[in-house]
Amino acid sequence: MPRNRNCAHRNRPHPEKNGYRTVDQWNPNTTVNIRLRIRLLWIGLATYLIIVLNDIRYVRSDPGYVVVLAALINGGIIFALIYGLRKSYKKLRENTSDNRDPNRL
């Protein structure tokens, strides 16, 4: 395939041709990308909770300060995941309220 000499990136095909994402598809505020973010956050939260629940059996063998430090770190991570979910659901509700019924997510 001959190179397009007018393109800024000569090793890549021109971005306006078929098969490339447009600027709107890379927008993190589209409904599809918000739903993907929500799905990934739920998967991450479930995986993290399974790992934490699996490691509870080792709490007795750890010193007290390690347990307190681990509880603070785990609480912070779980809080961040829940905050991300809440923020994403709020953004999804704002995006869908213009087009659909506001009670439907």
PDB file of N, CA and C in Angstrom:
ATOM      1  N   MET A   1       0.840  -1.172   0.000  1.00  0.00           N
ATOM      2  CA  MET A   1       0.000   0.000   0.000  1.00  0.00           C
ATOM      3  C   MET A   1       0.889   1.242   0.000  1.00  0.00           C
ATOM      4  N   PRO A   2       0.687   2.150  -0.914  1.00  0.00           N
ATOM      5  CA  PRO A   2       1.528   3.350  -0.945  1.00  0.00           C
ATOM      6  C   PRO A   2       1.218   4.261   0.233  1.00  0.00           C
ATOM      7  N   ARG A   3       2.245   4.912   0.686  1.00  0.00           N
ATOM      8  CA  ARG A   3       2.092   5.816   1.820  1.00  0.00           C
ATOM      9  C   ARG A   3       1.447   7.121   1.387  1.00  0.00           C
ATOM     10  N   ASN A   4       0.713   7.682   2.294  1.00  0.00           N
ATOM     11  CA  ASN A   4       0.114   8.989   2.062  1.00  0.00           C
ATOM     12  C   ASN A   4       1.111  10.029   2.556  1.00  0.00           C
ATOM     13  N   ARG A   5       1.733  10.745   1.653  1.00  0.00           N
ATOM     14  CA  ARG A   5       2.788  11.701   2.018  1.00  0.00           C
ATOM     15  C   ARG A   5       2.245  12.912   2.767  1.00  0.00           C
ATOM     16  N   ASN A   6       0.944  13.176   2.640  1.00  0.00           N
ATOM     17  CA  ASN A   6       0.361  14.333   3.301  1.00  0.00           C
ATOM     18  C   ASN A   6      -0.041  14.049   4.741  1.00  0.00           C
ATOM     19  N   CYS A   7      -0.033  12.795   5.135  1.00  0.00           N
ATOM     20  CA  CYS A   7      -0.453  12.421   6.478  1.00  0.00           C
ATOM     21  C   CYS A   7       0.675  12.710   7.467  1.00  0.00           C
ATOM     22  N   ALA A   8       0.317  13.165   8.650  1.00  0.00           N
ATOM     23  CA  ALA A   8       1.329  13.500   9.648  1.00  0.00           C
ATOM     24  C   ALA A   8       2.064  12.257  10.130  1.00  0.00           C
ATOM     25  N   HIS A   9       1.382  11.128  10.203  1.00  0.00           N
ATOM     26  CA  HIS A   9       1.995   9.877  10.641  1.00  0.00           C
ATOM     27  C   HIS A   9       2.126   8.978   9.414  1.00  0.00           C
ATOM     28  N   ARG A  10       3.299   8.891   8.868  1.00  0.00           N
ATOM     29  CA  ARG A  10       3.469   8.178   7.594  1.00  0.00           C
ATOM     30  C   ARG A  10       3.386   6.672   7.736  1.00  0.00           C
ATOM     31  N   ASN A  11       3.671   6.134   8.905  1.00  0.00           N
ATOM     32  CA  ASN A  11       3.654   4.688   9.077  1.00  0.00           C
ATOM     33  C   ASN A  11       2.250   4.134   9.300  1.00  0.00           C
ATOM     34  N   ARG A  12       1.315   4.996   9.628  1.00  0.00           N
ATOM     35  CA  ARG A  12      -0.060   4.557   9.860  1.00  0.00           C
ATOM     36  C   ARG A  12      -0.963   5.065   8.752  1.00  0.00           C
ATOM     37  N   PRO A  13      -2.011   4.316   8.427  1.00  0.00           N
ATOM     38  CA  PRO A  13      -2.981   4.819   7.448  1.00  0.00           C
ATOM     39  C   PRO A  13      -3.686   6.051   7.979  1.00  0.00           C
ATOM     40  N   HIS A  14      -4.320   6.748   7.095  1.00  0.00           N
ATOM     41  CA  HIS A  14      -4.990   7.983   7.472  1.00  0.00           C
ATOM     42  C   HIS A  14      -6.144   7.684   8.425  1.00  0.00           C
ATOM     43  N   PRO A  15      -6.278   8.435   9.525  1.00  0.00           N
ATOM     44  CA  PRO A  15      -7.292   8.104  10.529  1.00  0.00           C
ATOM     45  C   PRO A  15      -8.732   8.316  10.092  1.00  0.00           C
ATOM     46  N   GLU A  16      -8.977   9.006   9.005  1.00  0.00           N
ATOM     47  CA  GLU A  16     -10.353   9.242   8.569  1.00  0.00           C
ATOM     48  C   GLU A  16     -10.898   8.107   7.710  1.00  0.00           C
ATOM     49  N   LYS A  17     -10.065   7.137   7.372  1.00  0.00           N
ATOM     50  CA  LYS A  17     -10.535   6.015   6.552  1.00  0.00           C
ATOM     51  C   LYS A  17     -11.326   5.039   7.406  1.00  0.00           C
ATOM     52  N   ASN A  18     -12.050   4.141   6.755  1.00  0.00           N
ATOM     53  CA  ASN A  18     -12.883   3.163   7.453  1.00  0.00           C
ATOM     54  C   ASN A  18     -12.038   2.257   8.335  1.00  0.00           C
ATOM     55  N   GLY A  19     -12.629   1.818   9.430  1.00  0.00           N
ATOM     56  CA  GLY A  19     -11.943   0.916  10.331  1.00  0.00           C
ATOM     57  C   GLY A  19     -11.293   1.621  11.507  1.00  0.00           C
ATOM     58  N   TYR A  20     -11.349   2.912  11.553  1.00  0.00           N
ATOM     59  CA  TYR A  20     -10.771   3.652  12.658  1.00  0.00           C
ATOM     60  C   TYR A  20     -11.882   4.331  13.446  1.00  0.00           C
ATOM     61  N   ARG A  21     -11.634   4.464  14.729  1.00  0.00           N
ATOM     62  CA  ARG A  21     -12.635   5.101  15.579  1.00  0.00           C
ATOM     63  C   ARG A  21     -12.649   6.592  15.339  1.00  0.00           C
ATOM     64  N   THR A  22     -13.821   7.143  15.420  1.00  0.00           N
ATOM     65  CA  THR A  22     -13.939   8.593  15.301  1.00  0.00           C
ATOM     66  C   THR A  22     -13.755   9.218  16.680  1.00  0.00           C
ATOM     67  N   VAL A  23     -13.733  10.519  16.727  1.00  0.00           N
ATOM     68  CA  VAL A  23     -13.510  11.222  17.991  1.00  0.00           C
ATOM     69  C   VAL A  23     -14.640  10.945  18.975  1.00  0.00           C
ATOM     70  N   ASP A  24     -15.882  10.831  18.495  1.00  0.00           N
ATOM     71  CA  ASP A  24     -17.015  10.584  19.382  1.00  0.00           C
ATOM     72  C   ASP A  24     -16.939   9.224  20.051  1.00  0.00           C
ATOM     73  N   GLN A  25     -16.379   8.226  19.372  1.00  0.00           N
ATOM     74  CA  GLN A  25     -16.290   6.900  19.965  1.00  0.00           C
ATOM     75  C   GLN A  25     -15.245   6.843  21.073  1.00  0.00           C
ATOM     76  N   TRP A  26     -14.279   7.739  21.069  1.00  0.00           N
ATOM     77  CA  TRP A  26     -13.270   7.769  22.131  1.00  0.00           C
ATOM     78  C   TRP A  26     -13.734   8.606  23.312  1.00  0.00           C
ATOM     79  N   ASN A  27     -14.859   9.260  23.196  1.00  0.00           N
ATOM     80  CA  ASN A  27     -15.366  10.110  24.260  1.00  0.00           C
ATOM     81  C   ASN A  27     -15.790   9.244  25.446  1.00  0.00           C
ATOM     82  N   PRO A  28     -15.216   9.473  26.645  1.00  0.00           N
ATOM     83  CA  PRO A  28     -15.582   8.637  27.790  1.00  0.00           C
ATOM     84  C   PRO A  28     -16.971   8.920  28.333  1.00  0.00           C
ATOM     85  N   ASN A  29     -17.650   9.942  27.834  1.00  0.00           N
ATOM     86  CA  ASN A  29     -18.959  10.297  28.346  1.00  0.00           C
ATOM     87  C   ASN A  29     -20.106   9.752  27.506  1.00  0.00           C
ATOM     88  N   THR A  30     -19.821   8.912  26.512  1.00  0.00           N
ATOM     89  CA  THR A  30     -20.907   8.307  25.754  1.00  0.00           C
ATOM     90  C   THR A  30     -21.552   7.215  26.596  1.00  0.00           C
ATOM     91  N   THR A  31     -22.797   6.918  26.311  1.00  0.00           N
ATOM     92  CA  THR A  31     -23.538   5.941  27.094  1.00  0.00           C
ATOM     93  C   THR A  31     -22.888   4.561  27.032  1.00  0.00           C
ATOM     94  N   VAL A  32     -22.377   4.180  25.872  1.00  0.00           N
ATOM     95  CA  VAL A  32     -21.742   2.865  25.732  1.00  0.00           C
ATOM     96  C   VAL A  32     -20.494   2.777  26.599  1.00  0.00           C
ATOM     97  N   ASN A  33     -19.677   3.821  26.604  1.00  0.00           N
ATOM     98  CA  ASN A  33     -18.454   3.797  27.398  1.00  0.00           C
ATOM     99  C   ASN A  33     -18.746   3.877  28.896  1.00  0.00           C
ATOM    100  N   ILE A  34     -19.801   4.577  29.265  1.00  0.00           N
ATOM    101  CA  ILE A  34     -20.171   4.627  30.682  1.00  0.00           C
ATOM    102  C   ILE A  34     -20.649   3.260  31.145  1.00  0.00           C
ATOM    103  N   ARG A  35     -21.463   2.601  30.320  1.00  0.00           N
ATOM    104  CA  ARG A  35     -21.928   1.250  30.681  1.00  0.00           C
ATOM    105  C   ARG A  35     -20.759   0.268  30.773  1.00  0.00           C
ATOM    106  N   LEU A  36     -19.775   0.403  29.890  1.00  0.00           N
ATOM    107  CA  LEU A  36     -18.590  -0.453  29.957  1.00  0.00           C
ATOM    108  C   LEU A  36     -17.817  -0.183  31.240  1.00  0.00           C
ATOM    109  N   ARG A  37     -17.674   1.080  31.618  1.00  0.00           N
ATOM    110  CA  ARG A  37     -16.976   1.433  32.854  1.00  0.00           C
ATOM    111  C   ARG A  37     -17.706   0.861  34.060  1.00  0.00           C
ATOM    112  N   ILE A  38     -19.040   0.927  34.060  1.00  0.00           N
ATOM    113  CA  ILE A  38     -19.821   0.368  35.170  1.00  0.00           C
ATOM    114  C   ILE A  38     -19.621  -1.133  35.255  1.00  0.00           C
ATOM    115  N   ARG A  39     -19.666  -1.815  34.119  1.00  0.00           N
ATOM    116  CA  ARG A  39     -19.474  -3.268  34.110  1.00  0.00           C
ATOM    117  C   ARG A  39     -18.091  -3.646  34.637  1.00  0.00           C
ATOM    118  N   LEU A  40     -17.061  -2.919  34.207  1.00  0.00           N
ATOM    119  CA  LEU A  40     -15.707  -3.220  34.664  1.00  0.00           C
ATOM    120  C   LEU A  40     -15.524  -2.916  36.153  1.00  0.00           C
ATOM    121  N   LEU A  41     -16.164  -1.861  36.640  1.00  0.00           N
ATOM    122  CA  LEU A  41     -16.085  -1.563  38.073  1.00  0.00           C
ATOM    123  C   LEU A  41     -16.773  -2.634  38.903  1.00  0.00           C
ATOM    124  N   TRP A  42     -17.915  -3.139  38.445  1.00  0.00           N
ATOM    125  CA  TRP A  42     -18.595  -4.224  39.170  1.00  0.00           C
ATOM    126  C   TRP A  42     -17.741  -5.490  39.176  1.00  0.00           C
ATOM    127  N   ILE A  43     -17.127  -5.800  38.040  1.00  0.00           N
ATOM    128  CA  ILE A  43     -16.261  -6.985  37.973  1.00  0.00           C
ATOM    129  C   ILE A  43     -15.073  -6.813  38.910  1.00  0.00           C
ATOM    130  N   GLY A  44     -14.485  -5.625  38.908  1.00  0.00           N
ATOM    131  CA  GLY A  44     -13.350  -5.364  39.787  1.00  0.00           C
ATOM    132  C   GLY A  44     -13.730  -5.439  41.253  1.00  0.00           C
ATOM    133  N   LEU A  45     -14.887  -4.884  41.610  1.00  0.00           N
ATOM    134  CA  LEU A  45     -15.338  -4.930  42.998  1.00  0.00           C
ATOM    135  C   LEU A  45     -15.624  -6.360  43.439  1.00  0.00           C
ATOM    136  N   ALA A  46     -16.288  -7.138  42.602  1.00  0.00           N
ATOM    137  CA  ALA A  46     -16.593  -8.533  42.953  1.00  0.00           C
ATOM    138  C   ALA A  46     -15.311  -9.346  43.096  1.00  0.00           C
ATOM    139  N   THR A  47     -14.382  -9.162  42.185  1.00  0.00           N
ATOM    140  CA  THR A  47     -13.111  -9.892  42.261  1.00  0.00           C
ATOM    141  C   THR A  47     -12.343  -9.515  43.518  1.00  0.00           C
ATOM    142  N   TYR A  48     -12.301  -8.230  43.820  1.00  0.00           N
ATOM    143  CA  TYR A  48     -11.579  -7.777  44.999  1.00  0.00           C
ATOM    144  C   TYR A  48     -12.220  -8.312  46.278  1.00  0.00           C
ATOM    145  N   LEU A  49     -13.556  -8.291  46.350  1.00  0.00           N
ATOM    146  CA  LEU A  49     -14.220  -8.816  47.543  1.00  0.00           C
ATOM    147  C   LEU A  49     -13.995 -10.312  47.707  1.00  0.00           C
ATOM    148  N   ILE A  50     -13.955 -11.059  46.617  1.00  0.00           N
ATOM    149  CA  ILE A  50     -13.666 -12.499  46.697  1.00  0.00           C
ATOM    150  C   ILE A  50     -12.259 -12.729  47.227  1.00  0.00           C
ATOM    151  N   ILE A  51     -11.311 -11.933  46.756  1.00  0.00           N
ATOM    152  CA  ILE A  51      -9.930 -12.071  47.237  1.00  0.00           C
ATOM    153  C   ILE A  51      -9.834 -11.726  48.716  1.00  0.00           C
ATOM    154  N   VAL A  52     -10.487 -10.641  49.128  1.00  0.00           N
ATOM    155  CA  VAL A  52     -10.447 -10.232  50.535  1.00  0.00           C
ATOM    156  C   VAL A  52     -11.124 -11.280  51.416  1.00  0.00           C
ATOM    157  N   LEU A  53     -12.272 -11.778  51.006  1.00  0.00           N
ATOM    158  CA  LEU A  53     -12.962 -12.794  51.797  1.00  0.00           C
ATOM    159  C   LEU A  53     -12.173 -14.093  51.873  1.00  0.00           C
ATOM    160  N   ASN A  54     -11.419 -14.405  50.846  1.00  0.00           N
ATOM    161  CA  ASN A  54     -10.584 -15.597  50.864  1.00  0.00           C
ATOM    162  C   ASN A  54      -9.408 -15.441  51.826  1.00  0.00           C
ATOM    163  N   ASP A  55      -8.923 -14.224  52.017  1.00  0.00           N
ATOM    164  CA  ASP A  55      -7.767 -13.995  52.874  1.00  0.00           C
ATOM    165  C   ASP A  55      -8.130 -13.758  54.335  1.00  0.00           C
ATOM    166  N   ILE A  56      -9.417 -13.764  54.664  1.00  0.00           N
ATOM    167  CA  ILE A  56      -9.821 -13.559  56.059  1.00  0.00           C
ATOM    168  C   ILE A  56      -9.309 -14.681  56.951  1.00  0.00           C
ATOM    169  N   ARG A  57      -9.175 -15.861  56.432  1.00  0.00           N
ATOM    170  CA  ARG A  57      -8.745 -16.990  57.263  1.00  0.00           C
ATOM    171  C   ARG A  57      -7.313 -16.846  57.764  1.00  0.00           C
ATOM    172  N   TYR A  58      -6.528 -15.951  57.160  1.00  0.00           N
ATOM    173  CA  TYR A  58      -5.142 -15.756  57.580  1.00  0.00           C
ATOM    174  C   TYR A  58      -4.981 -14.611  58.574  1.00  0.00           C
ATOM    175  N   VAL A  59      -6.074 -14.012  59.018  1.00  0.00           N
ATOM    176  CA  VAL A  59      -6.001 -12.848  59.908  1.00  0.00           C
ATOM    177  C   VAL A  59      -5.430 -13.224  61.267  1.00  0.00           C
ATOM    178  N   ARG A  60      -5.738 -14.406  61.758  1.00  0.00           N
ATOM    179  CA  ARG A  60      -5.269 -14.811  63.088  1.00  0.00           C
ATOM    180  C   ARG A  60      -3.753 -14.916  63.172  1.00  0.00           C
ATOM    181  N   SER A  61      -3.096 -15.243  62.094  1.00  0.00           N
ATOM    182  CA  SER A  61      -1.646 -15.435  62.130  1.00  0.00           C
ATOM    183  C   SER A  61      -0.876 -14.127  61.933  1.00  0.00           C
ATOM    184  N   ASP A  62      -1.554 -13.045  61.585  1.00  0.00           N
ATOM    185  CA  ASP A  62      -0.881 -11.767  61.362  1.00  0.00           C
ATOM    186  C   ASP A  62      -0.859 -10.947  62.649  1.00  0.00           C
ATOM    187  N   PRO A  63       0.181 -10.107  62.816  1.00  0.00           N
ATOM    188  CA  PRO A  63       0.201  -9.194  63.973  1.00  0.00           C
ATOM    189  C   PRO A  63      -0.922  -8.158  63.867  1.00  0.00           C
ATOM    190  N   GLY A  64      -1.240  -7.536  64.991  1.00  0.00           N
ATOM    191  CA  GLY A  64      -2.364  -6.609  65.052  1.00  0.00           C
ATOM    192  C   GLY A  64      -2.213  -5.402  64.157  1.00  0.00           C
ATOM    193  N   TYR A  65      -0.998  -4.823  64.096  1.00  0.00           N
ATOM    194  CA  TYR A  65      -0.819  -3.623  63.282  1.00  0.00           C
ATOM    195  C   TYR A  65      -0.954  -3.927  61.788  1.00  0.00           C
ATOM    196  N   VAL A  66      -0.605  -5.137  61.383  1.00  0.00           N
ATOM    197  CA  VAL A  66      -0.760  -5.520  59.974  1.00  0.00           C
ATOM    198  C   VAL A  66      -2.237  -5.639  59.625  1.00  0.00           C
ATOM    199  N   VAL A  67      -3.023  -6.173  60.537  1.00  0.00           N
ATOM    200  CA  VAL A  67      -4.458  -6.314  60.308  1.00  0.00           C
ATOM    201  C   VAL A  67      -5.117  -4.937  60.200  1.00  0.00           C
ATOM    202  N   VAL A  68      -4.723  -4.008  61.069  1.00  0.00           N
ATOM    203  CA  VAL A  68      -5.298  -2.662  61.032  1.00  0.00           C
ATOM    204  C   VAL A  68      -4.902  -1.958  59.740  1.00  0.00           C
ATOM    205  N   LEU A  69      -3.640  -2.064  59.354  1.00  0.00           N
ATOM    206  CA  LEU A  69      -3.175  -1.440  58.113  1.00  0.00           C
ATOM    207  C   LEU A  69      -3.879  -2.050  56.898  1.00  0.00           C
ATOM    208  N   ALA A  70      -4.012  -3.361  56.879  1.00  0.00           N
ATOM    209  CA  ALA A  70      -4.698  -4.024  55.764  1.00  0.00           C
ATOM    210  C   ALA A  70      -6.175  -3.619  55.713  1.00  0.00           C
ATOM    211  N   ALA A  71      -6.806  -3.458  56.879  1.00  0.00           N
ATOM    212  CA  ALA A  71      -8.208  -3.044  56.903  1.00  0.00           C
ATOM    213  C   ALA A  71      -8.361  -1.627  56.358  1.00  0.00           C
ATOM    214  N   LEU A  72      -7.439  -0.735  56.693  1.00  0.00           N
ATOM    215  CA  LEU A  72      -7.496   0.628  56.165  1.00  0.00           C
ATOM    216  C   LEU A  72      -7.297   0.650  54.647  1.00  0.00           C
ATOM    217  N   ILE A  73      -6.339  -0.103  54.172  1.00  0.00           N
ATOM    218  CA  ILE A  73      -6.077  -0.153  52.722  1.00  0.00           C
ATOM    219  C   ILE A  73      -7.267  -0.778  51.992  1.00  0.00           C
ATOM    220  N   ASN A  74      -7.786  -1.887  52.514  1.00  0.00           N
ATOM    221  CA  ASN A  74      -8.933  -2.543  51.885  1.00  0.00           C
ATOM    222  C   ASN A  74     -10.158  -1.629  51.885  1.00  0.00           C
ATOM    223  N   GLY A  75     -10.381  -0.932  52.980  1.00  0.00           N
ATOM    224  CA  GLY A  75     -11.497  -0.002  53.043  1.00  0.00           C
ATOM    225  C   GLY A  75     -11.361   1.118  52.028  1.00  0.00           C
ATOM    226  N   GLY A  76     -10.140   1.624  51.861  1.00  0.00           N
ATOM    227  CA  GLY A  76      -9.910   2.677  50.879  1.00  0.00           C
ATOM    228  C   GLY A  76     -10.153   2.208  49.451  1.00  0.00           C
ATOM    229  N   ILE A  77      -9.701   1.007  49.143  1.00  0.00           N
ATOM    230  CA  ILE A  77      -9.898   0.465  47.794  1.00  0.00           C
ATOM    231  C   ILE A  77     -11.382   0.217  47.522  1.00  0.00           C
ATOM    232  N   ILE A  78     -12.074  -0.363  48.487  1.00  0.00           N
ATOM    233  CA  ILE A  78     -13.503  -0.622  48.309  1.00  0.00           C
ATOM    234  C   ILE A  78     -14.275   0.695  48.190  1.00  0.00           C
ATOM    235  N   PHE A  79     -13.893   1.694  48.997  1.00  0.00           N
ATOM    236  CA  PHE A  79     -14.528   3.005  48.910  1.00  0.00           C
ATOM    237  C   PHE A  79     -14.313   3.621  47.526  1.00  0.00           C
ATOM    238  N   ALA A  80     -13.099   3.514  46.987  1.00  0.00           N
ATOM    239  CA  ALA A  80     -12.813   4.082  45.667  1.00  0.00           C
ATOM    240  C   ALA A  80     -13.635   3.392  44.580  1.00  0.00           C
ATOM    241  N   LEU A  81     -13.784   2.080  44.659  1.00  0.00           N
ATOM    242  CA  LEU A  81     -14.582   1.360  43.667  1.00  0.00           C
ATOM    243  C   LEU A  81     -16.060   1.745  43.762  1.00  0.00           C
ATOM    244  N   ILE A  82     -16.577   1.850  44.979  1.00  0.00           N
ATOM    245  CA  ILE A  82     -17.981   2.220  45.146  1.00  0.00           C
ATOM    246  C   ILE A  82     -18.205   3.667  44.713  1.00  0.00           C
ATOM    247  N   TYR A  83     -17.247   4.550  45.011  1.00  0.00           N
ATOM    248  CA  TYR A  83     -17.363   5.945  44.583  1.00  0.00           C
ATOM    249  C   TYR A  83     -17.348   6.043  43.052  1.00  0.00           C
ATOM    250  N   GLY A  84     -16.499   5.249  42.406  1.00  0.00           N
ATOM    251  CA  GLY A  84     -16.463   5.225  40.940  1.00  0.00           C
ATOM    252  C   GLY A  84     -17.770   4.721  40.353  1.00  0.00           C
ATOM    253  N   LEU A  85     -18.352   3.699  40.971  1.00  0.00           N
ATOM    254  CA  LEU A  85     -19.655   3.196  40.518  1.00  0.00           C
ATOM    255  C   LEU A  85     -20.733   4.258  40.672  1.00  0.00           C
ATOM    256  N   ARG A  86     -20.748   4.920  41.811  1.00  0.00           N
ATOM    257  CA  ARG A  86     -21.758   5.952  42.061  1.00  0.00           C
ATOM    258  C   ARG A  86     -21.627   7.102  41.072  1.00  0.00           C
ATOM    259  N   LYS A  87     -20.404   7.510  40.811  1.00  0.00           N
ATOM    260  CA  LYS A  87     -20.150   8.597  39.864  1.00  0.00           C
ATOM    261  C   LYS A  87     -20.562   8.192  38.445  1.00  0.00           C
ATOM    262  N   SER A  88     -20.271   6.944  38.063  1.00  0.00           N
ATOM    263  CA  SER A  88     -20.631   6.469  36.731  1.00  0.00           C
ATOM    264  C   SER A  88     -22.144   6.356  36.560  1.00  0.00           C
ATOM    265  N   TYR A  89     -22.833   5.840  37.585  1.00  0.00           N
ATOM    266  CA  TYR A  89     -24.290   5.756  37.507  1.00  0.00           C
ATOM    267  C   TYR A  89     -24.908   7.147  37.415  1.00  0.00           C
ATOM    268  N   LYS A  90     -24.345   8.107  38.132  1.00  0.00           N
ATOM    269  CA  LYS A  90     -24.860   9.476  38.071  1.00  0.00           C
ATOM    270  C   LYS A  90     -24.671  10.060  36.674  1.00  0.00           C
ATOM    271  N   LYS A  91     -23.501   9.818  36.070  1.00  0.00           N
ATOM    272  CA  LYS A  91     -23.242  10.316  34.718  1.00  0.00           C
ATOM    273  C   LYS A  91     -24.138   9.623  33.704  1.00  0.00           C
ATOM    274  N   LEU A  92     -24.381   8.323  33.893  1.00  0.00           N
ATOM    275  CA  LEU A  92     -25.272   7.593  32.998  1.00  0.00           C
ATOM    276  C   LEU A  92     -26.695   8.138  33.100  1.00  0.00           C
ATOM    277  N   ARG A  93     -27.138   8.442  34.312  1.00  0.00           N
ATOM    278  CA  ARG A  93     -28.471   8.991  34.508  1.00  0.00           C
ATOM    279  C   ARG A  93     -28.605  10.359  33.834  1.00  0.00           C
ATOM    280  N   GLU A  94     -27.540  11.171  33.895  1.00  0.00           N
ATOM    281  CA  GLU A  94     -27.573  12.473  33.236  1.00  0.00           C
ATOM    282  C   GLU A  94     -27.630  12.327  31.718  1.00  0.00           C
ATOM    283  N   ASN A  95     -26.904  11.352  31.176  1.00  0.00           N
ATOM    284  CA  ASN A  95     -26.890  11.148  29.727  1.00  0.00           C
ATOM    285  C   ASN A  95     -28.204  10.580  29.220  1.00  0.00           C
ATOM    286  N   THR A  96     -28.820   9.690  29.981  1.00  0.00           N
ATOM    287  CA  THR A  96     -30.032   9.031  29.494  1.00  0.00           C
ATOM    288  C   THR A  96     -31.290   9.805  29.828  1.00  0.00           C
ATOM    289  N   SER A  97     -31.225  10.781  30.723  1.00  0.00           N
ATOM    290  CA  SER A  97     -32.442  11.506  31.088  1.00  0.00           C
ATOM    291  C   SER A  97     -32.937  12.391  29.944  1.00  0.00           C
ATOM    292  N   ASP A  98     -32.045  12.787  29.052  1.00  0.00           N
ATOM    293  CA  ASP A  98     -32.462  13.608  27.929  1.00  0.00           C
ATOM    294  C   ASP A  98     -33.209  12.798  26.869  1.00  0.00           C
ATOM    295  N   ASN A  99     -32.852  11.519  26.734  1.00  0.00           N
ATOM    296  CA  ASN A  99     -33.376  10.708  25.642  1.00  0.00           C
ATOM    297  C   ASN A  99     -34.459   9.727  26.056  1.00  0.00           C
ATOM    298  N   ARG A 100     -34.429   9.265  27.301  1.00  0.00           N
ATOM    299  CA  ARG A 100     -35.323   8.193  27.713  1.00  0.00           C
ATOM    300  C   ARG A 100     -36.021   8.540  29.013  1.00  0.00           C
ATOM    301  N   ASP A 101     -36.731   7.531  29.516  1.00  0.00           N
ATOM    302  CA  ASP A 101     -37.377   7.643  30.808  1.00  0.00           C
ATOM    303  C   ASP A 101     -36.297   7.730  31.884  1.00  0.00           C
ATOM    304  N   PRO A 102     -36.348   8.690  32.801  1.00  0.00           N
ATOM    305  CA  PRO A 102     -35.293   8.846  33.804  1.00  0.00           C
ATOM    306  C   PRO A 102     -35.239   7.699  34.819  1.00  0.00           C
ATOM    307  N   ASN A 103     -36.309   6.920  34.961  1.00  0.00           N
ATOM    308  CA  ASN A 103     -36.289   5.805  35.896  1.00  0.00           C
ATOM    309  C   ASN A 103     -35.595   4.583  35.344  1.00  0.00           C
ATOM    310  N   ARG A 104     -35.384   4.547  34.057  1.00  0.00           N
ATOM    311  CA  ARG A 104     -34.746   3.389  33.421  1.00  0.00           C
ATOM    312  C   ARG A 104     -33.263   3.658  33.243  1.00  0.00           C
ATOM    313  N   LEU A 105     -32.416   2.748  33.733  1.00  0.00           N
ATOM    314  CA  LEU A 105     -30.971   2.895  33.567  1.00  0.00           C
ATOM    315  C   LEU A 105     -30.474   2.144  32.376  1.00  0.00           C
TER     316      LEU A 105
END
